[in-house]
Amino acid sequence: MAKCEICSKGAHFGCNVSHSHRRSSRMWKSNVKSVRVNVNGATKKMYVCTSCLRSGLVERA
């Protein structure tokens, strides 16, 4: 899975727990988008999470 190239946010792992308390593994995928970004005056394609996009850490091309 893709990882954010700004904050390195990726997938998180844990367990589904049923009512009878049986456990099975599960995964939370972070909301990562492939985005064209301005880096030092040049456009580059990066994987960026939506929280970095909303906070203005990245300038879109």
PDB file of N, CA and C in Angstrom:
ATOM      1  N   MET A   1       0.819  -1.184   0.000  1.00  0.00           N
ATOM      2  CA  MET A   1       0.000   0.000   0.000  1.00  0.00           C
ATOM      3  C   MET A   1       0.865   1.251   0.000  1.00  0.00           C
ATOM      4  N   ALA A   2       0.313   2.326  -0.540  1.00  0.00           N
ATOM      5  CA  ALA A   2       1.055   3.581  -0.612  1.00  0.00           C
ATOM      6  C   ALA A   2       1.214   4.211   0.766  1.00  0.00           C
ATOM      7  N   LYS A   3       2.291   4.947   0.916  1.00  0.00           N
ATOM      8  CA  LYS A   3       2.589   5.644   2.161  1.00  0.00           C
ATOM      9  C   LYS A   3       2.753   7.113   1.825  1.00  0.00           C
ATOM     10  N   CYS A   4       2.314   7.995   2.719  1.00  0.00           N
ATOM     11  CA  CYS A   4       2.453   9.430   2.508  1.00  0.00           C
ATOM     12  C   CYS A   4       3.940   9.792   2.510  1.00  0.00           C
ATOM     13  N   GLU A   5       4.391  10.510   1.472  1.00  0.00           N
ATOM     14  CA  GLU A   5       5.804  10.877   1.372  1.00  0.00           C
ATOM     15  C   GLU A   5       6.141  12.100   2.217  1.00  0.00           C
ATOM     16  N   ILE A   6       5.136  12.770   2.789  1.00  0.00           N
ATOM     17  CA  ILE A   6       5.364  13.938   3.630  1.00  0.00           C
ATOM     18  C   ILE A   6       5.469  13.522   5.102  1.00  0.00           C
ATOM     19  N   CYS A   7       4.439  12.841   5.616  1.00  0.00           N
ATOM     20  CA  CYS A   7       4.409  12.484   7.035  1.00  0.00           C
ATOM     21  C   CYS A   7       4.624  10.991   7.278  1.00  0.00           C
ATOM     22  N   SER A   8       4.838  10.217   6.213  1.00  0.00           N
ATOM     23  CA  SER A   8       5.056   8.760   6.245  1.00  0.00           C
ATOM     24  C   SER A   8       3.924   8.002   6.942  1.00  0.00           C
ATOM     25  N   LYS A   9       2.697   8.511   6.799  1.00  0.00           N
ATOM     26  CA  LYS A   9       1.533   7.795   7.326  1.00  0.00           C
ATOM     27  C   LYS A   9       1.211   6.622   6.399  1.00  0.00           C
ATOM     28  N   GLY A  10       0.957   5.456   6.974  1.00  0.00           N
ATOM     29  CA  GLY A  10       0.653   4.267   6.201  1.00  0.00           C
ATOM     30  C   GLY A  10      -0.485   3.492   6.823  1.00  0.00           C
ATOM     31  N   ALA A  11      -0.482   2.190   6.620  1.00  0.00           N
ATOM     32  CA  ALA A  11      -1.543   1.334   7.145  1.00  0.00           C
ATOM     33  C   ALA A  11      -1.314   1.055   8.628  1.00  0.00           C
ATOM     34  N   HIS A  12      -2.420   0.897   9.369  1.00  0.00           N
ATOM     35  CA  HIS A  12      -2.375   0.523  10.775  1.00  0.00           C
ATOM     36  C   HIS A  12      -3.065  -0.826  10.931  1.00  0.00           C
ATOM     37  N   PHE A  13      -2.609  -1.613  11.883  1.00  0.00           N
ATOM     38  CA  PHE A  13      -3.137  -2.956  12.072  1.00  0.00           C
ATOM     39  C   PHE A  13      -3.753  -3.113  13.449  1.00  0.00           C
ATOM     40  N   GLY A  14      -4.760  -3.962  13.533  1.00  0.00           N
ATOM     41  CA  GLY A  14      -5.431  -4.214  14.795  1.00  0.00           C
ATOM     42  C   GLY A  14      -6.305  -5.440  14.679  1.00  0.00           C
ATOM     43  N   CYS A  15      -7.360  -5.510  15.496  1.00  0.00           N
ATOM     44  CA  CYS A  15      -8.230  -6.681  15.529  1.00  0.00           C
ATOM     45  C   CYS A  15      -9.697  -6.278  15.412  1.00  0.00           C
ATOM     46  N   ASN A  16     -10.460  -7.088  14.678  1.00  0.00           N
ATOM     47  CA  ASN A  16     -11.911  -7.055  14.780  1.00  0.00           C
ATOM     48  C   ASN A  16     -12.273  -7.898  15.990  1.00  0.00           C
ATOM     49  N   VAL A  17     -13.180  -7.405  16.826  1.00  0.00           N
ATOM     50  CA  VAL A  17     -13.602  -8.164  17.998  1.00  0.00           C
ATOM     51  C   VAL A  17     -15.111  -8.341  17.913  1.00  0.00           C
ATOM     52  N   SER A  18     -15.572  -9.597  17.856  1.00  0.00           N
ATOM     53  CA  SER A  18     -16.996  -9.874  17.739  1.00  0.00           C
ATOM     54  C   SER A  18     -17.674  -9.773  19.106  1.00  0.00           C
ATOM     55  N   HIS A  19     -18.969  -9.932  19.119  1.00  0.00           N
ATOM     56  CA  HIS A  19     -19.726  -9.883  20.366  1.00  0.00           C
ATOM     57  C   HIS A  19     -19.292 -10.993  21.328  1.00  0.00           C
ATOM     58  N   SER A  20     -18.945 -12.155  20.774  1.00  0.00           N
ATOM     59  CA  SER A  20     -18.473 -13.257  21.615  1.00  0.00           C
ATOM     60  C   SER A  20     -16.971 -13.155  21.891  1.00  0.00           C
ATOM     61  N   HIS A  21     -16.378 -12.049  21.530  1.00  0.00           N
ATOM     62  CA  HIS A  21     -14.978 -11.701  21.784  1.00  0.00           C
ATOM     63  C   HIS A  21     -13.994 -12.558  20.997  1.00  0.00           C
ATOM     64  N   ARG A  22     -14.424 -13.102  19.862  1.00  0.00           N
ATOM     65  CA  ARG A  22     -13.493 -13.768  18.948  1.00  0.00           C
ATOM     66  C   ARG A  22     -12.761 -12.683  18.169  1.00  0.00           C
ATOM     67  N   ARG A  23     -11.484 -12.866  17.923  1.00  0.00           N
ATOM     68  CA  ARG A  23     -10.685 -11.823  17.288  1.00  0.00           C
ATOM     69  C   ARG A  23     -10.187 -12.276  15.919  1.00  0.00           C
ATOM     70  N   SER A  24     -10.207 -11.358  14.980  1.00  0.00           N
ATOM     71  CA  SER A  24      -9.586 -11.579  13.679  1.00  0.00           C
ATOM     72  C   SER A  24      -8.846 -10.303  13.299  1.00  0.00           C
ATOM     73  N   SER A  25      -7.768 -10.461  12.578  1.00  0.00           N
ATOM     74  CA  SER A  25      -6.932  -9.306  12.271  1.00  0.00           C
ATOM     75  C   SER A  25      -7.592  -8.436  11.209  1.00  0.00           C
ATOM     76  N   ARG A  26      -7.327  -7.150  11.270  1.00  0.00           N
ATOM     77  CA  ARG A  26      -7.851  -6.217  10.292  1.00  0.00           C
ATOM     78  C   ARG A  26      -6.840  -5.119  10.060  1.00  0.00           C
ATOM     79  N   MET A  27      -7.133  -4.270   9.070  1.00  0.00           N
ATOM     80  CA  MET A  27      -6.196  -3.238   8.662  1.00  0.00           C
ATOM     81  C   MET A  27      -6.954  -1.945   8.394  1.00  0.00           C
ATOM     82  N   TRP A  28      -6.423  -0.835   8.881  1.00  0.00           N
ATOM     83  CA  TRP A  28      -6.962   0.484   8.569  1.00  0.00           C
ATOM     84  C   TRP A  28      -6.049   1.107   7.531  1.00  0.00           C
ATOM     85  N   LYS A  29      -6.599   1.422   6.357  1.00  0.00           N
ATOM     86  CA  LYS A  29      -5.799   2.049   5.312  1.00  0.00           C
ATOM     87  C   LYS A  29      -5.951   3.559   5.410  1.00  0.00           C
ATOM     88  N   SER A  30      -4.839   4.280   5.354  1.00  0.00           N
ATOM     89  CA  SER A  30      -4.902   5.734   5.408  1.00  0.00           C
ATOM     90  C   SER A  30      -5.327   6.269   4.042  1.00  0.00           C
ATOM     91  N   ASN A  31      -5.898   7.454   4.035  1.00  0.00           N
ATOM     92  CA  ASN A  31      -6.435   8.058   2.820  1.00  0.00           C
ATOM     93  C   ASN A  31      -5.299   8.745   2.071  1.00  0.00           C
ATOM     94  N   VAL A  32      -4.645   8.003   1.175  1.00  0.00           N
ATOM     95  CA  VAL A  32      -3.477   8.487   0.449  1.00  0.00           C
ATOM     96  C   VAL A  32      -3.836   8.637  -1.019  1.00  0.00           C
ATOM     97  N   LYS A  33      -3.519   9.796  -1.596  1.00  0.00           N
ATOM     98  CA  LYS A  33      -3.840  10.098  -2.986  1.00  0.00           C
ATOM     99  C   LYS A  33      -2.556  10.277  -3.788  1.00  0.00           C
ATOM    100  N   SER A  34      -2.612   9.958  -5.067  1.00  0.00           N
ATOM    101  CA  SER A  34      -1.520  10.251  -5.982  1.00  0.00           C
ATOM    102  C   SER A  34      -1.767  11.648  -6.544  1.00  0.00           C
ATOM    103  N   VAL A  35      -0.834  12.585  -6.284  1.00  0.00           N
ATOM    104  CA  VAL A  35      -1.063  14.003  -6.555  1.00  0.00           C
ATOM    105  C   VAL A  35       0.149  14.583  -7.272  1.00  0.00           C
ATOM    106  N   ARG A  36      -0.105  15.500  -8.224  1.00  0.00           N
ATOM    107  CA  ARG A  36       0.991  16.264  -8.823  1.00  0.00           C
ATOM    108  C   ARG A  36       1.307  17.442  -7.910  1.00  0.00           C
ATOM    109  N   VAL A  37       2.585  17.612  -7.571  1.00  0.00           N
ATOM    110  CA  VAL A  37       3.015  18.568  -6.553  1.00  0.00           C
ATOM    111  C   VAL A  37       4.142  19.430  -7.110  1.00  0.00           C
ATOM    112  N   ASN A  38       4.155  20.718  -6.728  1.00  0.00           N
ATOM    113  CA  ASN A  38       5.284  21.588  -7.061  1.00  0.00           C
ATOM    114  C   ASN A  38       6.399  21.373  -6.047  1.00  0.00           C
ATOM    115  N   VAL A  39       7.580  20.954  -6.527  1.00  0.00           N
ATOM    116  CA  VAL A  39       8.749  20.772  -5.676  1.00  0.00           C
ATOM    117  C   VAL A  39       9.911  21.522  -6.323  1.00  0.00           C
ATOM    118  N   ASN A  40      10.358  22.601  -5.683  1.00  0.00           N
ATOM    119  CA  ASN A  40      11.454  23.431  -6.189  1.00  0.00           C
ATOM    120  C   ASN A  40      11.206  23.914  -7.623  1.00  0.00           C
ATOM    121  N   GLY A  41       9.982  24.320  -7.910  1.00  0.00           N
ATOM    122  CA  GLY A  41       9.628  24.845  -9.227  1.00  0.00           C
ATOM    123  C   GLY A  41       9.318  23.794 -10.270  1.00  0.00           C
ATOM    124  N   ALA A  42       9.499  22.524  -9.966  1.00  0.00           N
ATOM    125  CA  ALA A  42       9.212  21.445 -10.909  1.00  0.00           C
ATOM    126  C   ALA A  42       8.033  20.629 -10.398  1.00  0.00           C
ATOM    127  N   THR A  43       7.269  20.064 -11.325  1.00  0.00           N
ATOM    128  CA  THR A  43       6.137  19.228 -10.924  1.00  0.00           C
ATOM    129  C   THR A  43       6.610  17.793 -10.745  1.00  0.00           C
ATOM    130  N   LYS A  44       6.109  17.169  -9.696  1.00  0.00           N
ATOM    131  CA  LYS A  44       6.474  15.800  -9.366  1.00  0.00           C
ATOM    132  C   LYS A  44       5.225  15.078  -8.891  1.00  0.00           C
ATOM    133  N   LYS A  45       5.109  13.797  -9.209  1.00  0.00           N
ATOM    134  CA  LYS A  45       3.969  13.013  -8.763  1.00  0.00           C
ATOM    135  C   LYS A  45       4.338  12.312  -7.467  1.00  0.00           C
ATOM    136  N   MET A  46       3.517  12.527  -6.424  1.00  0.00           N
ATOM    137  CA  MET A  46       3.798  11.961  -5.104  1.00  0.00           C
ATOM    138  C   MET A  46       2.547  11.345  -4.524  1.00  0.00           C
ATOM    139  N   TYR A  47       2.741  10.448  -3.551  1.00  0.00           N
ATOM    140  CA  TYR A  47       1.640   9.955  -2.744  1.00  0.00           C
ATOM    141  C   TYR A  47       1.563  10.824  -1.493  1.00  0.00           C
ATOM    142  N   VAL A  48       0.402  11.492  -1.303  1.00  0.00           N
ATOM    143  CA  VAL A  48       0.221  12.412  -0.183  1.00  0.00           C
ATOM    144  C   VAL A  48      -1.099  12.087   0.489  1.00  0.00           C
ATOM    145  N   CYS A  49      -1.109  12.058   1.834  1.00  0.00           N
ATOM    146  CA  CYS A  49      -2.356  11.805   2.560  1.00  0.00           C
ATOM    147  C   CYS A  49      -3.206  13.080   2.545  1.00  0.00           C
ATOM    148  N   THR A  50      -4.494  12.905   2.723  1.00  0.00           N
ATOM    149  CA  THR A  50      -5.413  14.033   2.613  1.00  0.00           C
ATOM    150  C   THR A  50      -5.254  15.021   3.750  1.00  0.00           C
ATOM    151  N   SER A  51      -4.769  14.574   4.912  1.00  0.00           N
ATOM    152  CA  SER A  51      -4.553  15.518   6.010  1.00  0.00           C
ATOM    153  C   SER A  51      -3.398  16.463   5.691  1.00  0.00           C
ATOM    154  N   CYS A  52      -2.375  16.006   4.980  1.00  0.00           N
ATOM    155  CA  CYS A  52      -1.287  16.887   4.543  1.00  0.00           C
ATOM    156  C   CYS A  52      -1.762  17.841   3.451  1.00  0.00           C
ATOM    157  N   LEU A  53      -2.652  17.378   2.574  1.00  0.00           N
ATOM    158  CA  LEU A  53      -3.199  18.250   1.532  1.00  0.00           C
ATOM    159  C   LEU A  53      -4.044  19.356   2.137  1.00  0.00           C
ATOM    160  N   ARG A  54      -4.879  19.015   3.118  1.00  0.00           N
ATOM    161  CA  ARG A  54      -5.769  19.997   3.728  1.00  0.00           C
ATOM    162  C   ARG A  54      -5.021  20.998   4.578  1.00  0.00           C
ATOM    163  N   SER A  55      -3.936  20.566   5.226  1.00  0.00           N
ATOM    164  CA  SER A  55      -3.208  21.465   6.108  1.00  0.00           C
ATOM    165  C   SER A  55      -2.271  22.401   5.354  1.00  0.00           C
ATOM    166  N   GLY A  56      -2.105  22.206   4.036  1.00  0.00           N
ATOM    167  CA  GLY A  56      -1.284  23.099   3.244  1.00  0.00           C
ATOM    168  C   GLY A  56       0.200  22.782   3.285  1.00  0.00           C
ATOM    169  N   LEU A  57       0.580  21.577   3.677  1.00  0.00           N
ATOM    170  CA  LEU A  57       1.995  21.203   3.678  1.00  0.00           C
ATOM    171  C   LEU A  57       2.530  20.989   2.275  1.00  0.00           C
ATOM    172  N   VAL A  58       1.606  20.815   1.308  1.00  0.00           N
ATOM    173  CA  VAL A  58       1.977  20.513  -0.074  1.00  0.00           C
ATOM    174  C   VAL A  58       1.271  21.505  -0.984  1.00  0.00           C
ATOM    175  N   GLU A  59       1.991  21.988  -2.000  1.00  0.00           N
ATOM    176  CA  GLU A  59       1.381  22.876  -2.995  1.00  0.00           C
ATOM    177  C   GLU A  59       1.110  22.063  -4.255  1.00  0.00           C
ATOM    178  N   ARG A  60      -0.154  22.009  -4.653  1.00  0.00           N
ATOM    179  CA  ARG A  60      -0.524  21.254  -5.847  1.00  0.00           C
ATOM    180  C   ARG A  60      -0.085  21.975  -7.112  1.00  0.00           C
ATOM    181  N   ALA A  61       0.231  21.189  -8.129  1.00  0.00           N
ATOM    182  CA  ALA A  61       0.656  21.759  -9.412  1.00  0.00           C
ATOM    183  C   ALA A  61      -0.553  22.013 -10.310  1.00  0.00           C
TER     184      ALA A  61
END
